[in-house]
């Protein structure tokens, strides 16, 4: 169960932030009890940032 894993990690890492990514993130978000940050295009936004940042350095 995802909530169980999140709870276990929160005990060990008090400042834990959980981020759900992907197209199905919104479906999982509604069924989880923990407060979670969900962003469906998180990976693509990060890759785009890296590409733009590297282009500016060339």
N, C-alpha and C. Protein backbone atom coordinates (compact mmCIF):
# COMPACT_ATOMS: atom_id res chain seq x y z
N UNK A 1 0.84 -1.18 0.00
CA UNK A 1 0.00 0.00 0.00
C UNK A 1 0.89 1.24 0.00
N UNK A 2 0.57 2.17 -0.86
CA UNK A 2 1.38 3.37 -1.03
C UNK A 2 1.39 4.22 0.23
N UNK A 3 0.25 4.38 0.87
CA UNK A 3 0.20 5.19 2.10
C UNK A 3 1.12 4.63 3.18
N UNK A 4 1.23 3.32 3.26
CA UNK A 4 2.11 2.69 4.24
C UNK A 4 3.57 3.03 3.99
N UNK A 5 3.99 3.00 2.73
CA UNK A 5 5.36 3.37 2.38
C UNK A 5 5.62 4.83 2.70
N UNK A 6 4.67 5.67 2.38
CA UNK A 6 4.83 7.11 2.64
C UNK A 6 4.94 7.36 4.14
N UNK A 7 4.10 6.71 4.93
CA UNK A 7 4.15 6.87 6.39
C UNK A 7 5.50 6.41 6.95
N UNK A 8 6.01 5.29 6.44
CA UNK A 8 7.30 4.78 6.92
C UNK A 8 8.43 5.75 6.59
N UNK A 9 8.42 6.29 5.39
CA UNK A 9 9.46 7.25 5.01
C UNK A 9 9.33 8.55 5.79
N UNK A 10 8.10 8.97 6.08
CA UNK A 10 7.90 10.20 6.85
C UNK A 10 8.42 10.07 8.28
N UNK A 11 8.38 8.87 8.83
CA UNK A 11 8.95 8.66 10.16
C UNK A 11 10.46 8.83 10.13
N UNK A 12 11.08 8.35 9.06
CA UNK A 12 12.54 8.41 8.95
C UNK A 12 13.01 9.79 8.47
N UNK A 13 12.28 10.37 7.53
CA UNK A 13 12.65 11.66 6.94
C UNK A 13 11.52 12.65 7.23
N UNK A 14 11.66 13.42 8.28
CA UNK A 14 10.59 14.30 8.77
C UNK A 14 10.15 15.35 7.75
N UNK A 15 11.06 15.82 6.93
CA UNK A 15 10.76 16.87 5.95
C UNK A 15 10.45 16.30 4.56
N UNK A 16 9.97 15.09 4.49
CA UNK A 16 9.72 14.40 3.23
C UNK A 16 8.64 15.10 2.40
N UNK A 17 8.92 15.27 1.13
CA UNK A 17 7.93 15.75 0.17
C UNK A 17 7.74 14.65 -0.87
N UNK A 18 6.52 14.24 -1.09
CA UNK A 18 6.21 13.20 -2.06
C UNK A 18 5.62 13.86 -3.29
N UNK A 19 6.15 13.49 -4.46
CA UNK A 19 5.68 14.06 -5.72
C UNK A 19 5.21 12.92 -6.61
N UNK A 20 3.97 12.98 -7.05
CA UNK A 20 3.45 12.01 -8.01
C UNK A 20 3.58 12.61 -9.40
N UNK A 21 4.02 11.81 -10.34
CA UNK A 21 4.15 12.29 -11.72
C UNK A 21 3.46 11.32 -12.66
N UNK A 22 3.24 11.77 -13.86
CA UNK A 22 2.65 10.93 -14.89
C UNK A 22 1.16 11.16 -15.06
N UNK A 23 0.64 10.60 -16.11
CA UNK A 23 -0.75 10.81 -16.46
C UNK A 23 -1.75 10.28 -15.44
N UNK A 24 -1.36 9.24 -14.71
CA UNK A 24 -2.27 8.65 -13.72
C UNK A 24 -2.14 9.24 -12.33
N UNK A 25 -1.30 10.24 -12.17
CA UNK A 25 -1.06 10.83 -10.85
C UNK A 25 -2.34 11.35 -10.22
N UNK A 26 -3.18 11.96 -11.00
CA UNK A 26 -4.42 12.54 -10.47
C UNK A 26 -5.34 11.46 -9.90
N UNK A 27 -5.35 10.27 -10.51
CA UNK A 27 -6.20 9.19 -10.01
C UNK A 27 -5.69 8.68 -8.67
N UNK A 28 -4.39 8.57 -8.52
CA UNK A 28 -3.82 8.13 -7.25
C UNK A 28 -4.00 9.18 -6.16
N UNK A 29 -3.86 10.43 -6.53
CA UNK A 29 -3.95 11.53 -5.57
C UNK A 29 -5.27 11.49 -4.79
N UNK A 30 -6.34 11.20 -5.49
CA UNK A 30 -7.66 11.18 -4.86
C UNK A 30 -7.83 10.03 -3.86
N UNK A 31 -7.04 8.96 -4.00
CA UNK A 31 -7.21 7.80 -3.14
C UNK A 31 -6.20 7.73 -1.99
N UNK A 32 -5.26 8.67 -1.92
CA UNK A 32 -4.25 8.64 -0.87
C UNK A 32 -4.62 9.57 0.28
N UNK A 33 -4.30 9.14 1.50
CA UNK A 33 -4.62 9.96 2.67
C UNK A 33 -3.56 11.02 2.93
N UNK A 34 -2.33 10.79 2.48
CA UNK A 34 -1.24 11.72 2.71
C UNK A 34 -1.34 12.91 1.76
N UNK A 35 -0.92 14.06 2.23
CA UNK A 35 -0.86 15.24 1.37
C UNK A 35 0.30 15.10 0.40
N UNK A 36 0.02 15.08 -0.87
CA UNK A 36 1.03 14.81 -1.88
C UNK A 36 0.92 15.85 -2.98
N UNK A 37 2.05 16.20 -3.51
CA UNK A 37 2.13 17.15 -4.62
C UNK A 37 2.06 16.35 -5.91
N UNK A 38 1.10 16.63 -6.77
CA UNK A 38 0.94 15.90 -8.02
C UNK A 38 1.09 16.84 -9.20
N UNK A 39 1.92 16.45 -10.14
CA UNK A 39 2.15 17.25 -11.33
C UNK A 39 2.37 16.30 -12.49
N UNK A 40 1.46 16.26 -13.44
CA UNK A 40 1.50 15.25 -14.49
C UNK A 40 2.67 15.42 -15.45
N UNK A 41 3.15 16.63 -15.66
CA UNK A 41 4.25 16.86 -16.61
C UNK A 41 5.56 17.20 -15.92
N UNK A 42 5.72 16.77 -14.69
CA UNK A 42 6.89 17.13 -13.89
C UNK A 42 8.20 16.75 -14.58
N UNK A 43 8.30 15.54 -15.07
CA UNK A 43 9.52 15.08 -15.72
C UNK A 43 9.81 15.87 -16.99
N UNK A 44 8.79 16.08 -17.81
CA UNK A 44 8.99 16.84 -19.05
C UNK A 44 9.38 18.28 -18.77
N UNK A 45 8.78 18.88 -17.76
CA UNK A 45 9.13 20.25 -17.40
C UNK A 45 10.58 20.33 -16.94
N UNK A 46 11.02 19.36 -16.17
CA UNK A 46 12.40 19.33 -15.70
C UNK A 46 13.38 19.14 -16.83
N UNK A 47 13.08 18.23 -17.75
CA UNK A 47 13.95 18.02 -18.90
C UNK A 47 14.01 19.26 -19.78
N UNK A 48 12.88 19.91 -19.98
CA UNK A 48 12.84 21.14 -20.78
C UNK A 48 13.69 22.23 -20.13
N UNK A 49 13.62 22.34 -18.82
CA UNK A 49 14.44 23.32 -18.10
C UNK A 49 15.92 23.05 -18.32
N UNK A 50 16.32 21.78 -18.22
CA UNK A 50 17.72 21.43 -18.42
C UNK A 50 18.19 21.75 -19.83
N UNK A 51 17.37 21.44 -20.83
CA UNK A 51 17.73 21.73 -22.22
C UNK A 51 17.89 23.23 -22.41
N UNK A 52 16.95 24.01 -21.93
CA UNK A 52 17.03 25.47 -22.09
C UNK A 52 18.23 26.04 -21.35
N UNK A 53 18.50 25.53 -20.17
CA UNK A 53 19.63 26.01 -19.37
C UNK A 53 20.96 25.69 -20.07
N UNK A 54 21.05 24.51 -20.65
CA UNK A 54 22.28 24.11 -21.34
C UNK A 54 22.46 24.86 -22.66
N UNK A 55 21.37 25.17 -23.35
CA UNK A 55 21.46 25.94 -24.60
C UNK A 55 22.02 27.33 -24.34
N UNK A 56 21.65 27.92 -23.22
CA UNK A 56 22.12 29.27 -22.89
C UNK A 56 23.61 29.29 -22.56
N UNK A 57 24.18 28.16 -22.19
CA UNK A 57 25.60 28.09 -21.84
C UNK A 57 26.48 27.83 -23.05
N UNK A 58 25.90 27.39 -24.16
CA UNK A 58 26.69 27.06 -25.36
C UNK A 58 26.94 28.28 -26.22
